[in-house]
Amino acid sequence: MGISEATEVARSEIQKQFNITDVIIKSSVLKNGMWYINTFFILNNEKEYYNIIINDTTNIIEGMRETKFNTRNTGSAQTFMLVALIFAVITVVVYAIISAITVPSAVAFTTVSASPPINPFAIVLVLVFLALLIVNVYILIIIIKIRRFIDNGDYKSAYYADSVLFGVLALLIGGIITGLMLLLARGELENAASN
């Protein structure tokens, strides 16, 4: 079962049980063969939040419980993630510009030099900057994903997505500020997820 089928099973169960039409899926995670889907809907002018657990192989709902929207204090995690996002975007733009400059320069340099016909240093330089660009785009995507988890109140998923290894990778490759903000946000998310 894919994510679309799991969310549709959760949506149809909520619609059937409460006789409503609009159900919003807040988040969905597949862990140990079970889909954990957080939903939100309005019933009698009240906001309702339900967590639905669906078996991935049988499509059977294993559990359904009402939850309260998590309004825990995340401390400065949202601010840390915003700063990390801004610096990650800047880093991606810088690496994209550097890559755009080094590719034509390397091609021109290898065609001008007569011996050897292909300059290995120029090619290695291009490959290094392209690899750094790809890694930084990945870091940016994960930061956006973590921010989305925080915005949805899913602090546990945000905490697991913001691993120490990821923070160190961002620190070494994505820039000191980006990595530092990710590691600081992890501490705040740990407190919010454990409450």
Protein backbone atom coordinates (compact mmCIF):
# COMPACT_ATOMS: atom_id res chain seq x y z
CA MET A 1 0.00 0.00 0.00
CA GLY A 2 1.30 3.44 -0.87
CA ILE A 3 0.84 6.70 0.94
CA SER A 4 -2.13 7.72 -1.21
CA GLU A 5 -4.01 4.49 -0.46
CA ALA A 6 -3.26 4.73 3.27
CA THR A 7 -4.43 8.33 3.49
CA GLU A 8 -7.56 7.47 1.52
CA VAL A 9 -8.39 4.61 3.93
CA ALA A 10 -7.93 7.00 6.87
CA ARG A 11 -9.98 9.74 5.21
CA SER A 12 -12.86 7.42 4.30
CA GLU A 13 -12.95 5.93 7.83
CA ILE A 14 -13.21 9.40 9.41
CA GLN A 15 -15.86 10.43 6.88
CA LYS A 16 -17.88 7.28 7.52
CA GLN A 17 -17.61 7.35 11.30
CA PHE A 18 -18.38 11.07 11.79
CA ASN A 19 -20.51 11.71 8.70
CA ILE A 20 -18.38 14.59 7.44
CA THR A 21 -16.86 15.44 4.08
CA ASP A 22 -13.72 17.49 4.72
CA VAL A 23 -10.79 15.67 6.32
CA ILE A 24 -7.28 17.09 6.26
CA ILE A 25 -4.28 14.79 6.52
CA LYS A 26 -1.75 16.52 8.80
CA SER A 27 1.04 13.97 8.52
CA SER A 28 1.66 10.35 7.60
CA VAL A 29 4.58 8.09 8.45
CA LEU A 30 5.28 4.43 7.65
CA LYS A 31 7.04 2.68 10.55
CA ASN A 32 7.44 -1.07 11.09
CA GLY A 33 4.79 -1.95 8.51
CA MET A 34 2.19 0.44 9.97
CA TRP A 35 0.96 3.76 8.64
CA TYR A 36 0.54 6.42 11.34
CA ILE A 37 -1.77 9.07 9.93
CA ASN A 38 -2.71 12.26 11.77
CA THR A 39 -5.97 13.83 10.63
CA PHE A 40 -7.84 17.04 11.32
CA PHE A 41 -11.50 17.93 10.72
CA ILE A 42 -14.28 20.16 12.03
CA LEU A 43 -17.18 18.50 13.89
CA ASN A 44 -19.93 20.61 15.48
CA ASN A 45 -17.75 23.74 15.14
CA GLU A 46 -14.96 22.04 17.12
CA LYS A 47 -11.54 21.11 15.79
CA GLU A 48 -10.96 17.36 16.07
CA TYR A 49 -7.64 15.55 15.70
CA TYR A 50 -7.41 11.78 15.23
CA ASN A 51 -4.47 9.45 14.84
CA ILE A 52 -5.19 6.40 12.69
CA ILE A 53 -2.93 3.33 12.49
CA ILE A 54 -3.26 1.22 9.33
CA ASN A 55 -1.52 -2.08 8.59
CA ASP A 56 0.51 -1.61 5.41
CA THR A 57 0.02 -5.14 4.08
CA THR A 58 -3.63 -5.79 4.95
CA ASN A 59 -5.07 -2.24 4.68
CA ILE A 60 -6.89 -2.87 7.98
CA ILE A 61 -7.22 -0.10 10.53
CA GLU A 62 -5.41 -1.35 13.63
CA GLY A 63 -6.25 1.61 15.83
CA MET A 64 -7.89 5.00 15.91
CA ARG A 65 -7.70 7.47 18.76
CA GLU A 66 -8.49 11.08 19.38
CA THR A 67 -5.49 13.26 19.95
CA LYS A 68 -5.12 16.85 20.95
CA PHE A 69 -3.25 19.13 18.63
CA ASN A 70 0.24 19.42 19.94
CA THR A 71 0.77 22.99 21.06
CA ARG A 72 3.88 22.24 23.06
CA ASN A 73 6.50 24.87 23.35
CA THR A 74 9.21 24.06 20.86
CA GLY A 75 11.41 26.74 22.29
CA SER A 76 13.45 28.29 19.55
CA ALA A 77 13.31 25.32 17.16
CA GLN A 78 11.16 27.16 14.63
CA THR A 79 13.54 30.12 14.63
CA PHE A 80 16.59 27.86 14.37
CA MET A 81 15.03 26.05 11.41
CA LEU A 82 14.15 29.34 9.70
CA VAL A 83 17.76 30.54 10.02
CA ALA A 84 18.99 27.14 8.79
CA LEU A 85 16.61 27.38 5.82
CA ILE A 86 17.82 30.87 4.88
CA PHE A 87 21.49 29.90 5.05
CA ALA A 88 20.84 26.61 3.21
CA VAL A 89 19.19 28.54 0.35
CA ILE A 90 22.15 30.94 0.25
CA THR A 91 24.60 28.00 0.20
CA VAL A 92 22.72 26.27 -2.64
CA VAL A 93 22.69 29.49 -4.68
CA VAL A 94 26.43 30.03 -4.09
CA TYR A 95 27.28 26.44 -5.10
CA ALA A 96 25.01 26.72 -8.15
CA ILE A 97 26.82 29.90 -9.24
CA ILE A 98 30.24 28.36 -8.63
CA SER A 99 29.22 25.22 -10.55
CA ALA A 100 27.87 27.32 -13.41
CA ILE A 101 31.18 29.17 -13.59
CA THR A 102 33.51 26.16 -13.24
CA VAL A 103 31.86 23.97 -15.89
CA PRO A 104 32.44 26.35 -18.83
CA SER A 105 35.85 27.33 -17.44
CA ALA A 106 36.91 23.69 -17.18
CA VAL A 107 35.70 22.96 -20.70
CA ALA A 108 37.53 26.00 -22.08
CA PHE A 109 40.67 25.20 -20.09
CA THR A 110 40.76 21.58 -21.29
CA THR A 111 40.27 22.53 -24.94
CA VAL A 112 42.95 25.28 -24.84
CA SER A 113 45.64 23.19 -23.20
CA ALA A 114 47.37 21.04 -25.76
CA SER A 115 48.85 18.42 -23.49
CA PRO A 116 47.13 16.57 -22.01
CA PRO A 117 43.98 17.11 -24.07
CA ILE A 118 41.79 16.64 -20.97
CA ASN A 119 42.86 18.38 -17.79
CA PRO A 120 42.04 16.02 -14.89
CA PHE A 121 42.26 18.83 -12.32
CA ALA A 122 39.53 20.83 -14.06
CA ILE A 123 37.24 17.81 -14.30
CA VAL A 124 37.80 16.91 -10.63
CA LEU A 125 37.04 20.51 -9.66
CA VAL A 126 33.77 20.46 -11.60
CA LEU A 127 32.76 17.13 -10.07
CA VAL A 128 33.54 18.37 -6.54
CA PHE A 129 31.41 21.48 -6.92
CA LEU A 130 28.55 19.54 -8.51
CA ALA A 131 28.66 16.98 -5.67
CA LEU A 132 28.62 19.78 -3.09
CA LEU A 133 25.66 21.34 -4.88
CA ILE A 134 23.73 18.05 -4.84
CA VAL A 135 24.44 17.45 -1.14
CA ASN A 136 23.35 20.99 -0.28
CA VAL A 137 20.11 20.59 -2.25
CA TYR A 138 19.48 17.42 -0.20
CA ILE A 139 20.16 19.36 3.03
CA LEU A 140 17.71 22.05 1.89
CA ILE A 141 15.01 19.46 1.14
CA ILE A 142 15.39 17.87 4.59
CA ILE A 143 15.22 21.29 6.28
CA ILE A 144 11.97 22.03 4.44
CA LYS A 145 10.62 18.63 5.53
CA ILE A 146 11.54 19.28 9.18
CA ARG A 147 9.90 22.71 9.08
CA ARG A 148 6.73 21.12 7.70
CA PHE A 149 6.71 18.60 10.58
CA ILE A 150 7.10 21.44 13.09
CA ASP A 151 4.32 23.46 11.46
CA ASN A 152 2.01 20.42 11.68
CA GLY A 153 2.85 19.87 15.35
CA ASP A 154 4.55 16.54 14.64
CA TYR A 155 7.61 17.19 16.80
CA LYS A 156 8.60 13.55 17.12
CA SER A 157 8.93 13.15 13.33
CA ALA A 158 10.82 16.45 13.16
CA TYR A 159 13.16 15.22 15.90
CA TYR A 160 13.87 11.95 14.05
CA ALA A 161 14.39 13.75 10.72
CA ASP A 162 16.88 16.15 12.33
CA SER A 163 19.47 13.54 13.30
CA VAL A 164 22.88 14.32 14.74
CA LEU A 165 24.52 12.79 11.66
CA PHE A 166 22.48 15.10 9.43
CA GLY A 167 23.43 18.10 11.59
CA VAL A 168 27.12 17.23 11.36
CA LEU A 169 26.82 16.71 7.58
CA ALA A 170 25.23 20.15 7.29
CA LEU A 171 27.91 21.59 9.57
CA LEU A 172 30.74 20.23 7.42
CA ILE A 173 29.27 20.68 3.93
CA GLY A 174 26.31 23.05 4.20
CA GLY A 175 28.01 25.74 6.22
CA ILE A 176 28.72 26.33 9.86
CA ILE A 177 25.58 28.34 10.56
CA THR A 178 23.23 25.85 8.89
CA GLY A 179 24.71 22.91 10.77
CA LEU A 180 24.80 24.75 14.07
CA MET A 181 21.14 25.77 13.75
CA LEU A 182 20.14 22.18 12.97
CA LEU A 183 21.99 20.84 16.01
CA LEU A 184 20.48 23.53 18.28
CA ALA A 185 16.99 22.84 16.90
CA ARG A 186 17.45 19.13 17.61
CA GLY A 187 17.83 19.86 21.31
CA GLU A 188 14.63 21.92 21.36
CA LEU A 189 12.75 19.28 19.36
CA GLU A 190 13.91 16.58 21.76
CA ASN A 191 12.30 18.47 24.64
CA ALA A 192 9.07 19.03 22.70
CA ALA A 193 8.89 15.40 21.50
CA SER A 194 9.40 13.95 24.97
CA ASN A 195 6.63 15.99 26.62
